[in-house]
């Protein structure tokens, strides 16, 4: 079987959108669960990871083993974390205005407690308006102690997903699936294309999870359901549960979106009534992300983008905030004593080893005049000691890996002179703070082409070029910083527009 070459991020979405336009995927469903979104996102993730890692996606058996391992860790770690942080355990009960489903990853450590940088600012803003909220926190690696209470849900999720394999499916239709699968294998590579059995298993899991989430939402009495990663199976099930219960659902931006992300950009032939597994609204950081969604939703009245701003980032632009000043000072204290230049490296995961190796070689080439901070992706935060040993093998300082990985990203950016990353959102974030970025991959340069063209970021894809860019960028005239948005006005206006009932009314209605 001949595979057409996929060389860029645009190629991946071009191939997927060809399939979306030429096959009746809008009709794929299992009951009230639309199935094309889950399949599209998996195609996008598989093909993109294969492109970046230059290797096929793992065999399903390896994925199953990984899932079993995560389930075992959840059984052991989550009850222990709940016990250690028992004052912050929450549960569904009447009187909540909104329920939030976290991704379990978007946490940062601040003053000894773990903050969900996406969800906590909204929960706090609603609490200031007298509204109670319930936060659901998944994953086995629980971040404790927590800043705000939450319900730890991973053991329940694992149990439901495991038992869903034997759940009966009714009213299922996948017209044109076999023909699409064959063409997808030709365009994207056979190992990257999920099977019919895979999709039907996800349908069973979404139904099982949606039933569980729906019961929880009913108990809470909430009118809004927020999720910060709608395109996971859990996120789509949460959206379906909200729809069944008559709640309004919204996805909260947590990272890169736009034209190059298969969950947020360049959908094709979206049904006029939308998809049941996509949220009613997308709360995004800026006009750029909103425009990217508007371009594909067309005349569809669903999936509306609303600009909330990035309240967590906006806080770090405020020099008057004493906690911001303290965290920036803590970050500056980690700078090496003699180097004139401090580099923050934001590492990705799932890439070919060479992508990290070339940055390590660049650090060796740069010499002692440059200090390096190494920040692991949240998925690999638990491997800080392992990565520190890797640095020592290269003769590089390794004392701050865990501290840098746990510290607030924006404090590190403000204390650094240059940011280095493969394709992370940190490239965009750094330039907003006036810190230049080095993009170490063609993929990243494609995604951030506007920043590269404007001179706010530099493409450098081998060790010598990375070392040279790190040395040259701090000598350039400083970049302008984005203005702070006083009092997070974008979010405040959006929350005011929700017209949530007063807290007293919520409590009396659920008695």
Protein backbone atom coordinates (compact mmCIF):
# COMPACT_ATOMS: atom_id res chain seq x y z
CA UNK A 1 0.00 0.00 0.00
CA UNK A 2 1.52 3.34 -1.06
CA UNK A 3 1.45 6.21 1.44
CA UNK A 4 1.35 9.80 0.29
CA UNK A 5 3.98 11.92 1.99
CA UNK A 6 2.80 14.10 4.89
CA UNK A 7 5.44 16.77 5.46
CA UNK A 8 3.70 19.64 7.29
CA UNK A 9 0.96 20.39 9.78
CA UNK A 10 -1.14 21.77 6.93
CA UNK A 11 -0.74 18.48 5.03
CA UNK A 12 -2.29 16.56 7.94
CA UNK A 13 -5.41 18.73 8.04
CA UNK A 14 -5.65 18.87 4.24
CA UNK A 15 -5.83 15.08 4.18
CA UNK A 16 -8.39 14.90 6.99
CA UNK A 17 -10.57 17.60 5.46
CA UNK A 18 -10.57 15.77 2.12
CA UNK A 19 -12.06 12.78 3.94
CA UNK A 20 -14.54 14.98 5.79
CA UNK A 21 -15.82 16.49 2.55
CA UNK A 22 -16.02 13.28 0.52
CA UNK A 23 -17.60 10.84 2.99
CA UNK A 24 -20.86 11.10 5.00
CA UNK A 25 -19.08 11.41 8.34
CA UNK A 26 -21.69 13.87 9.61
CA UNK A 27 -24.03 10.88 9.83
CA UNK A 28 -21.75 8.77 12.04
CA UNK A 29 -23.42 8.30 15.39
CA UNK A 30 -24.24 5.91 18.21
CA UNK A 31 -27.55 7.10 19.59
CA UNK A 32 -27.16 10.79 20.47
CA UNK A 33 -23.34 10.62 20.38
CA UNK A 34 -21.83 11.99 17.15
CA UNK A 35 -18.72 9.96 16.34
CA UNK A 36 -16.84 11.82 13.61
CA UNK A 37 -15.28 14.38 16.03
CA UNK A 38 -13.62 11.63 18.10
CA UNK A 39 -12.35 9.91 14.95
CA UNK A 40 -11.14 13.17 13.37
CA UNK A 41 -9.20 14.16 16.49
CA UNK A 42 -7.58 10.72 16.75
CA UNK A 43 -6.56 10.86 13.09
CA UNK A 44 -5.07 14.30 13.67
CA UNK A 45 -3.19 13.28 16.83
CA UNK A 46 -1.86 10.04 15.35
CA UNK A 47 -0.69 11.62 12.09
CA UNK A 48 0.85 14.62 13.85
CA UNK A 49 2.73 12.53 16.41
CA UNK A 50 3.97 10.24 13.63
CA UNK A 51 5.14 13.32 11.70
CA UNK A 52 6.98 14.78 14.69
CA UNK A 53 8.41 11.56 16.07
CA UNK A 54 9.21 10.21 12.59
CA UNK A 55 7.77 6.89 13.76
CA UNK A 56 4.37 5.19 13.63
CA UNK A 57 2.00 5.51 16.57
CA UNK A 58 2.31 2.77 19.20
CA UNK A 59 0.59 -0.56 18.58
CA UNK A 60 -2.85 -0.84 20.26
CA UNK A 61 -1.45 -3.51 22.60
CA UNK A 62 1.10 -1.01 23.93
CA UNK A 63 -1.63 1.57 24.41
CA UNK A 64 -3.72 -0.97 26.31
CA UNK A 65 -0.75 -1.77 28.56
CA UNK A 66 -0.22 1.94 29.20
CA UNK A 67 -3.92 2.37 30.03
CA UNK A 68 -3.76 -0.56 32.46
CA UNK A 69 -0.70 0.98 34.10
CA UNK A 70 -2.44 4.32 34.49
CA UNK A 71 -5.48 2.59 35.97
CA UNK A 72 -3.36 0.78 38.54
CA UNK A 73 -1.59 4.01 39.50
CA UNK A 74 -4.96 5.73 39.92
CA UNK A 75 -6.17 2.99 42.27
CA UNK A 76 -3.07 3.44 44.41
CA UNK A 77 -2.31 7.14 44.18
CA UNK A 78 -5.68 8.91 44.10
CA UNK A 79 -7.03 7.59 47.46
CA UNK A 80 -3.70 8.46 49.08
CA UNK A 81 -3.76 11.98 47.62
CA UNK A 82 -7.40 12.40 48.72
CA UNK A 83 -6.43 11.40 52.24
CA UNK A 84 -3.42 13.72 52.38
CA UNK A 85 -5.47 16.66 51.06
CA UNK A 86 -8.83 15.65 52.55
CA UNK A 87 -9.85 19.20 53.46
CA UNK A 88 -9.93 19.99 49.75
CA UNK A 89 -12.11 17.05 48.70
CA UNK A 90 -15.46 18.05 47.20
CA UNK A 91 -18.56 16.21 46.02
CA UNK A 92 -21.69 16.95 43.96
CA UNK A 93 -24.49 18.55 45.92
CA UNK A 94 -27.35 20.92 45.09
CA UNK A 95 -26.65 24.62 44.74
CA UNK A 96 -23.77 24.70 42.24
CA UNK A 97 -23.94 27.22 39.41
CA UNK A 98 -21.31 25.50 37.26
CA UNK A 99 -19.34 22.27 37.06
CA UNK A 100 -15.79 22.27 35.68
CA UNK A 101 -13.91 19.27 34.23
CA UNK A 102 -10.15 19.83 34.42
CA UNK A 103 -7.57 18.10 32.24
CA UNK A 104 -5.54 17.19 35.34
CA UNK A 105 -2.39 18.65 33.73
CA UNK A 106 -2.71 22.44 33.62
CA UNK A 107 -1.37 22.96 37.12
CA UNK A 108 1.37 25.18 38.45
CA UNK A 109 2.78 25.52 41.95
CA UNK A 110 2.30 28.85 43.68
CA UNK A 111 3.12 29.58 47.32
CA UNK A 112 3.09 25.91 48.25
CA UNK A 113 -0.26 25.05 46.60
CA UNK A 114 -1.19 23.74 43.16
CA UNK A 115 -3.24 26.09 41.00
CA UNK A 116 -5.23 25.00 37.94
CA UNK A 117 -4.21 27.89 35.69
CA UNK A 118 -7.17 27.40 33.32
CA UNK A 119 -10.06 26.68 35.67
CA UNK A 120 -9.22 28.26 39.02
CA UNK A 121 -9.36 31.90 37.79
CA UNK A 122 -12.94 31.31 36.56
CA UNK A 123 -13.98 29.49 39.75
CA UNK A 124 -12.59 32.35 41.86
CA UNK A 125 -14.33 34.94 39.69
CA UNK A 126 -17.66 33.11 40.04
CA UNK A 127 -17.14 32.74 43.79
CA UNK A 128 -16.66 36.50 44.01
CA UNK A 129 -20.12 36.77 42.42
CA UNK A 130 -21.55 34.47 45.09
CA UNK A 131 -21.72 31.39 42.85
CA UNK A 132 -20.67 27.95 44.06
CA UNK A 133 -18.76 25.69 41.65
CA UNK A 134 -17.77 22.04 41.54
CA UNK A 135 -14.43 21.10 40.00
CA UNK A 136 -13.70 17.57 38.76
CA UNK A 137 -10.02 16.61 38.65
CA UNK A 138 -8.94 13.55 36.62
CA UNK A 139 -5.63 11.65 36.24
CA UNK A 140 -3.67 9.53 38.69
CA UNK A 141 -0.87 12.05 39.33
CA UNK A 142 -2.91 14.32 41.61
CA UNK A 143 -1.38 17.69 42.47
CA UNK A 144 -1.71 18.25 46.22
CA UNK A 145 -2.12 20.36 48.23
CA UNK A 146 -4.75 22.05 46.04
CA UNK A 147 -5.58 25.75 46.07
CA UNK A 148 -9.30 25.05 45.55
CA UNK A 149 -11.44 22.03 46.44
CA UNK A 150 -12.16 19.42 43.78
CA UNK A 151 -13.57 15.93 43.32
CA UNK A 152 -10.93 13.39 42.28
CA UNK A 153 -12.56 11.31 39.56
CA UNK A 154 -9.93 9.14 37.86
CA UNK A 155 -10.76 5.81 39.56
CA UNK A 156 -14.41 6.21 38.51
CA UNK A 157 -13.40 7.12 34.95
CA UNK A 158 -11.09 4.09 34.70
CA UNK A 159 -13.80 1.74 36.00
CA UNK A 160 -16.40 3.07 33.56
CA UNK A 161 -14.03 2.85 30.59
CA UNK A 162 -13.02 -0.68 31.48
CA UNK A 163 -16.59 -1.95 31.88
CA UNK A 164 -17.80 -0.08 28.78
CA UNK A 165 -16.24 -2.76 26.55
CA UNK A 166 -19.26 -4.96 27.31
CA UNK A 167 -21.85 -2.20 27.08
CA UNK A 168 -24.42 -2.77 24.31
CA UNK A 169 -24.67 -0.15 21.55
CA UNK A 170 -27.96 0.80 19.93
CA UNK A 171 -28.86 2.91 16.90
CA UNK A 172 -25.30 2.96 15.52
CA UNK A 173 -24.54 4.03 11.97
CA UNK A 174 -21.16 4.49 10.24
CA UNK A 175 -21.98 4.96 6.52
CA UNK A 176 -18.95 4.88 4.25
CA UNK A 177 -16.56 3.89 7.05
CA UNK A 178 -14.72 1.10 5.20
CA UNK A 179 -14.06 3.24 2.11
CA UNK A 180 -12.91 6.18 4.25
CA UNK A 181 -10.58 3.95 6.23
CA UNK A 182 -8.88 2.69 3.05
CA UNK A 183 -8.36 6.21 1.70
CA UNK A 184 -7.21 7.48 5.08
CA UNK A 185 -4.56 4.74 5.16
CA UNK A 186 -3.35 5.86 1.73
CA UNK A 187 -3.18 9.52 2.73
CA UNK A 188 -2.03 9.32 6.36
CA UNK A 189 -0.33 5.96 6.69
CA UNK A 190 -1.98 2.71 7.72
CA UNK A 191 -0.74 2.64 11.37
CA UNK A 192 -2.20 6.11 11.99
CA UNK A 193 -5.79 5.22 11.05
CA UNK A 194 -8.04 3.86 13.83
CA UNK A 195 -10.20 0.81 13.18
CA UNK A 196 -13.98 0.45 13.32
CA UNK A 197 -13.57 -1.54 16.55
CA UNK A 198 -11.62 1.34 18.09
CA UNK A 199 -14.36 3.83 17.23
CA UNK A 200 -17.15 1.59 18.55
CA UNK A 201 -15.22 1.14 21.81
CA UNK A 202 -14.96 4.92 22.16
CA UNK A 203 -18.71 5.16 21.53
CA UNK A 204 -19.36 2.70 24.37
CA UNK A 205 -17.01 4.63 26.65
CA UNK A 206 -18.62 7.97 25.83
CA UNK A 207 -22.09 6.59 26.57
CA UNK A 208 -20.93 5.13 29.89
CA UNK A 209 -19.10 8.30 30.94
CA UNK A 210 -21.92 10.58 29.75
CA UNK A 211 -24.44 8.69 31.89
CA UNK A 212 -22.20 9.08 34.94
CA UNK A 213 -21.50 12.77 34.29
CA UNK A 214 -25.21 13.41 33.66
CA UNK A 215 -26.15 12.04 37.09
CA UNK A 216 -23.47 14.20 38.69
CA UNK A 217 -24.64 17.32 36.83
CA UNK A 218 -28.25 16.66 37.85
CA UNK A 219 -27.26 16.43 41.50
CA UNK A 220 -25.26 19.67 41.30
CA UNK A 221 -28.16 21.72 39.94
CA UNK A 222 -25.70 23.54 37.66
CA UNK A 223 -26.70 25.40 34.51
CA UNK A 224 -23.21 25.55 32.95
CA UNK A 225 -20.60 22.85 32.25
CA UNK A 226 -17.02 23.94 31.51
CA UNK A 227 -14.23 21.71 30.20
CA UNK A 228 -10.65 22.61 29.32
CA UNK A 229 -9.99 19.70 26.98
CA UNK A 230 -13.23 18.87 25.20
CA UNK A 231 -11.53 16.69 22.57
CA UNK A 232 -10.59 13.89 24.96
CA UNK A 233 -13.10 11.02 25.21
CA UNK A 234 -13.90 12.19 28.74
CA UNK A 235 -14.38 15.77 27.53
CA UNK A 236 -16.74 14.77 24.73
CA UNK A 237 -18.76 12.60 27.13
CA UNK A 238 -19.00 15.57 29.52
CA UNK A 239 -20.32 17.74 26.68
CA UNK A 240 -22.91 15.09 25.76
CA UNK A 241 -23.97 14.84 29.42
CA UNK A 242 -24.43 18.61 29.59
CA UNK A 243 -26.54 18.55 26.43
CA UNK A 244 -28.74 15.76 27.81
CA UNK A 245 -29.29 17.73 31.00
CA UNK A 246 -30.05 21.03 29.32
CA UNK A 247 -26.83 22.71 30.50
CA UNK A 248 -24.82 25.09 28.37
CA UNK A 249 -21.29 23.76 27.70
CA UNK A 250 -18.08 25.65 26.99
CA UNK A 251 -14.49 24.65 26.25
CA UNK A 252 -11.85 26.79 27.99
CA UNK A 253 -8.70 27.42 25.97
CA UNK A 254 -5.65 25.84 27.60
CA UNK A 255 -3.00 26.06 24.87
CA UNK A 256 -2.37 26.37 21.16
CA UNK A 257 -5.45 26.61 18.94
CA UNK A 258 -5.99 28.12 15.51
CA UNK A 259 -5.67 26.80 11.99
CA UNK A 260 -3.11 24.10 12.80
CA UNK A 261 -5.01 22.28 15.55
CA UNK A 262 -7.42 19.62 14.34
CA UNK A 263 -9.82 20.08 17.26
CA UNK A 264 -10.16 23.85 16.78
CA UNK A 265 -9.23 24.72 13.22
CA UNK A 266 -10.33 24.02 9.65
CA UNK A 267 -13.28 21.71 10.19
CA UNK A 268 -15.08 21.02 6.92
CA UNK A 269 -18.78 20.53 6.17
CA UNK A 270 -19.99 20.95 9.76
CA UNK A 271 -23.72 20.07 10.01
CA UNK A 272 -26.12 22.99 10.39
CA UNK A 273 -27.12 21.65 13.82
CA UNK A 274 -23.50 21.11 14.85
CA UNK A 275 -22.05 18.02 16.52
CA UNK A 276 -23.32 16.71 19.86
CA UNK A 277 -19.76 16.01 21.00
CA UNK A 278 -18.56 19.60 20.43
CA UNK A 279 -19.32 22.24 23.08
CA UNK A 280 -21.92 24.96 22.63
CA UNK A 281 -19.23 27.60 23.08
CA UNK A 282 -15.47 28.03 22.90
CA UNK A 283 -14.02 30.54 25.37
CA UNK A 284 -10.80 31.67 23.73
CA UNK A 285 -7.94 34.02 24.50
CA UNK A 286 -8.03 36.36 21.52
CA UNK A 287 -9.67 37.37 18.26
CA UNK A 288 -7.25 35.11 16.34
CA UNK A 289 -8.64 31.91 17.90
CA UNK A 290 -12.21 33.17 17.59
CA UNK A 291 -11.76 33.93 13.90
CA UNK A 292 -10.31 30.45 13.29
CA UNK A 293 -13.47 28.89 14.74
CA UNK A 294 -15.83 31.28 12.96
CA UNK A 295 -14.27 30.37 9.62
CA UNK A 296 -15.31 26.72 9.90
CA UNK A 297 -18.59 26.93 11.78
CA UNK A 298 -20.07 29.10 9.02
CA UNK A 299 -23.84 29.34 9.31
CA UNK A 300 -23.98 26.86 12.18
CA UNK A 301 -25.58 28.46 15.25
CA UNK A 302 -23.62 26.10 17.53
CA UNK A 303 -20.00 26.07 18.69
CA UNK A 304 -19.83 29.84 19.16
CA UNK A 305 -16.46 31.40 20.06
CA UNK A 306 -16.41 33.97 22.86
CA UNK A 307 -13.32 35.95 23.81
CA UNK A 308 -12.54 35.60 27.53
CA UNK A 309 -8.93 36.68 27.40
CA UNK A 310 -6.36 34.63 29.31
CA UNK A 311 -6.98 35.62 32.93
CA UNK A 312 -4.01 33.65 34.25
CA UNK A 313 -1.60 35.31 31.82
CA UNK A 314 -3.10 38.75 32.32
CA UNK A 315 -2.38 38.51 36.01
CA UNK A 316 1.31 38.01 35.28
CA UNK A 317 1.38 41.24 33.30
CA UNK A 318 0.40 43.19 36.42
CA UNK A 319 3.52 44.40 38.23
CA UNK A 320 1.39 45.69 41.10
CA UNK A 321 0.37 42.17 42.18
CA UNK A 322 2.53 41.23 45.21
CA UNK A 323 2.29 37.49 44.51
CA UNK A 324 3.45 38.06 40.93
CA UNK A 325 6.42 40.11 42.17
CA UNK A 326 7.32 37.41 44.69
CA UNK A 327 7.20 34.58 42.14
CA UNK A 328 9.28 36.53 39.62
CA UNK A 329 11.87 37.23 42.31
CA UNK A 330 11.93 33.51 43.19
CA UNK A 331 12.55 32.69 39.52
CA UNK A 332 15.34 35.26 39.25
CA UNK A 333 16.97 33.71 42.31
CA UNK A 334 17.41 30.49 40.28
CA UNK A 335 19.48 32.26 37.62
CA UNK A 336 23.08 31.13 37.50
CA UNK A 337 25.35 33.72 39.20
CA UNK A 338 27.69 34.49 36.31
CA UNK A 339 25.99 33.94 32.89
CA UNK A 340 24.80 37.08 31.16
CA UNK A 341 22.04 35.21 29.32
CA UNK A 342 19.36 32.99 30.87
CA UNK A 343 17.54 30.56 28.57
CA UNK A 344 14.25 28.84 29.35
CA UNK A 345 13.81 25.58 27.41
CA UNK A 346 10.23 24.30 27.23
CA UNK A 347 10.48 20.62 26.36
CA UNK A 348 7.81 18.73 24.44
CA UNK A 349 6.91 15.05 24.67
CA UNK A 350 6.30 12.34 22.09
CA UNK A 351 9.05 13.67 19.80
CA UNK A 352 12.08 11.99 18.30
CA UNK A 353 14.99 11.96 20.79
CA UNK A 354 17.03 14.09 18.42
CA UNK A 355 14.74 17.07 19.07
CA UNK A 356 15.93 17.20 22.69
CA UNK A 357 19.48 15.99 21.95
CA UNK A 358 20.19 18.91 19.62
CA UNK A 359 19.17 21.42 22.31
CA UNK A 360 21.48 19.66 24.78
CA UNK A 361 24.31 19.93 22.25
CA UNK A 362 23.45 23.61 21.74
CA UNK A 363 23.78 24.17 25.49
CA UNK A 364 27.23 22.58 25.39
CA UNK A 365 28.24 24.76 22.43
CA UNK A 366 26.98 27.94 24.11
CA UNK A 367 29.47 27.56 26.94
CA UNK A 368 29.43 28.93 30.46
CA UNK A 369 28.24 32.38 29.42
CA UNK A 370 24.71 31.06 29.07
CA UNK A 371 22.51 29.61 31.81
CA UNK A 372 19.83 27.03 30.94
CA UNK A 373 16.53 26.23 32.63
CA UNK A 374 14.89 22.97 31.55
CA UNK A 375 11.11 22.71 31.94
CA UNK A 376 9.46 19.34 31.30
CA UNK A 377 6.04 19.01 29.70
CA UNK A 378 3.34 18.31 32.34
CA UNK A 379 2.90 14.78 30.96
CA UNK A 380 6.53 14.04 31.90
CA UNK A 381 6.86 16.19 35.03
CA UNK A 382 7.40 13.05 37.11
CA UNK A 383 10.62 12.33 35.17
CA UNK A 384 12.53 15.37 36.45
CA UNK A 385 15.18 13.30 38.27
CA UNK A 386 15.72 11.15 35.17
CA UNK A 387 16.18 14.23 32.98
CA UNK A 388 18.54 15.81 35.53
CA UNK A 389 20.74 12.71 35.25
CA UNK A 390 20.69 13.12 31.47
CA UNK A 391 21.90 16.71 31.83
CA UNK A 392 24.75 15.62 34.08
CA UNK A 393 25.86 13.08 31.47
CA UNK A 394 26.24 16.03 29.10
CA UNK A 395 28.20 18.00 31.69
CA UNK A 396 25.36 20.51 32.13
CA UNK A 397 24.02 21.93 35.42
CA UNK A 398 20.96 20.03 36.60
CA UNK A 399 19.99 21.41 40.00
CA UNK A 400 16.75 23.22 39.09
CA UNK A 401 14.87 20.81 36.78
CA UNK A 402 12.09 19.96 39.25
CA UNK A 403 11.77 23.53 40.53
CA UNK A 404 11.60 24.97 37.01
CA UNK A 405 9.07 22.34 35.92
CA UNK A 406 6.82 23.14 38.89
CA UNK A 407 7.21 26.94 38.92
CA UNK A 408 4.67 29.28 37.27
CA UNK A 409 5.60 29.48 33.59
CA UNK A 410 5.04 33.22 33.32
CA UNK A 411 7.33 33.94 36.27
CA UNK A 412 10.07 32.00 34.47
CA UNK A 413 9.42 33.81 31.18
CA UNK A 414 9.67 37.18 32.88
CA UNK A 415 12.95 36.15 34.54
CA UNK A 416 14.47 34.72 31.32
CA UNK A 417 16.20 36.43 28.40
CA UNK A 418 15.36 33.89 25.70
CA UNK A 419 12.84 31.04 25.34
CA UNK A 420 13.65 27.89 23.34
CA UNK A 421 10.98 25.40 22.23
CA UNK A 422 10.08 22.95 19.49
CA UNK A 423 6.48 24.12 18.96
CA UNK A 424 5.08 24.88 22.40
CA UNK A 425 2.57 27.63 23.14
CA UNK A 426 5.36 29.16 25.24
CA UNK A 427 6.74 30.60 21.97
CA UNK A 428 3.66 32.76 21.59
CA UNK A 429 3.44 33.50 25.31
CA UNK A 430 7.05 34.64 25.57
CA UNK A 431 6.74 37.20 22.81
CA UNK A 432 3.70 38.69 24.56
CA UNK A 433 5.99 39.34 27.53
CA UNK A 434 8.64 40.89 25.31
CA UNK A 435 10.96 37.84 25.47
CA UNK A 436 12.29 36.56 22.11
CA UNK A 437 11.89 32.90 21.20
CA UNK A 438 13.95 30.33 19.32
CA UNK A 439 11.82 27.80 17.38
CA UNK A 440 13.76 24.58 16.95
CA UNK A 441 11.61 22.78 14.35
CA UNK A 442 10.14 23.33 10.92
CA UNK A 443 6.79 22.30 12.39
CA UNK A 444 7.00 25.06 15.01
CA UNK A 445 8.15 27.59 12.41
CA UNK A 446 5.09 26.70 10.32
CA UNK A 447 2.70 27.17 13.23
CA UNK A 448 4.32 30.43 14.35
CA UNK A 449 5.16 31.75 10.90
CA UNK A 450 3.70 35.18 11.72
CA UNK A 451 6.02 35.55 14.73
CA UNK A 452 9.04 34.42 12.71
CA UNK A 453 8.18 36.79 9.85
CA UNK A 454 7.79 39.66 12.33
CA UNK A 455 11.19 38.94 13.88
CA UNK A 456 9.69 38.10 17.28
CA UNK A 457 10.87 34.50 16.98
CA UNK A 458 13.82 32.90 15.15
CA UNK A 459 13.87 29.54 13.39
CA UNK A 460 16.96 27.49 14.31
CA UNK A 461 16.74 23.76 13.68
CA UNK A 462 20.23 22.40 14.43
CA UNK A 463 22.51 22.65 17.45
CA UNK A 464 24.88 25.28 16.03
CA UNK A 465 22.01 27.48 14.86
CA UNK A 466 20.25 27.22 18.24
CA UNK A 467 23.44 28.17 20.11
CA UNK A 468 24.04 31.11 17.76
CA UNK A 469 20.46 32.37 18.09
CA UNK A 470 20.58 32.17 21.89
CA UNK A 471 23.76 34.26 21.88
CA UNK A 472 22.45 36.85 19.40
CA UNK A 473 18.85 37.46 20.48
CA UNK A 474 19.48 39.22 23.81
CA UNK A 475 21.62 41.80 22.01
CA UNK A 476 18.69 42.87 19.83
CA UNK A 477 16.48 45.84 20.79
CA UNK A 478 13.91 44.63 23.36
CA UNK A 479 10.52 43.52 22.13
CA UNK A 480 7.48 45.49 23.30
CA UNK A 481 5.37 43.81 25.96
CA UNK A 482 1.65 43.23 25.57
CA UNK A 483 -0.40 45.66 27.68
CA UNK A 484 -1.99 44.33 30.85
CA UNK A 485 -5.79 44.12 30.82
CA UNK A 486 -6.92 45.74 34.05
CA UNK A 487 -9.23 43.61 36.22
CA UNK A 488 -9.52 40.91 33.52
CA UNK A 489 -12.31 42.88 31.81
CA UNK A 490 -12.83 40.32 29.03
CA UNK A 491 -13.61 37.54 31.49
CA UNK A 492 -15.65 39.82 33.75
CA UNK A 493 -17.93 40.89 30.91
CA UNK A 494 -18.35 37.30 29.78
CA UNK A 495 -19.26 36.04 33.25
CA UNK A 496 -21.73 38.91 33.68
CA UNK A 497 -23.41 37.86 30.42
CA UNK A 498 -24.14 34.33 31.71
CA UNK A 499 -27.09 35.60 33.77
CA UNK A 500 -26.64 32.89 36.37
CA UNK A 501 -29.34 32.82 39.04
CA UNK A 502 -28.35 34.26 42.43
CA UNK A 503 -26.75 31.78 44.79
CA UNK A 504 -29.69 32.03 47.20
CA UNK A 505 -32.10 31.14 44.41
CA UNK A 506 -29.99 28.13 43.45
CA UNK A 507 -30.04 26.85 47.02
CA UNK A 508 -33.78 27.31 47.48
CA UNK A 509 -34.57 25.69 44.12
CA UNK A 510 -32.73 22.51 45.11
CA UNK A 511 -34.16 22.07 48.59
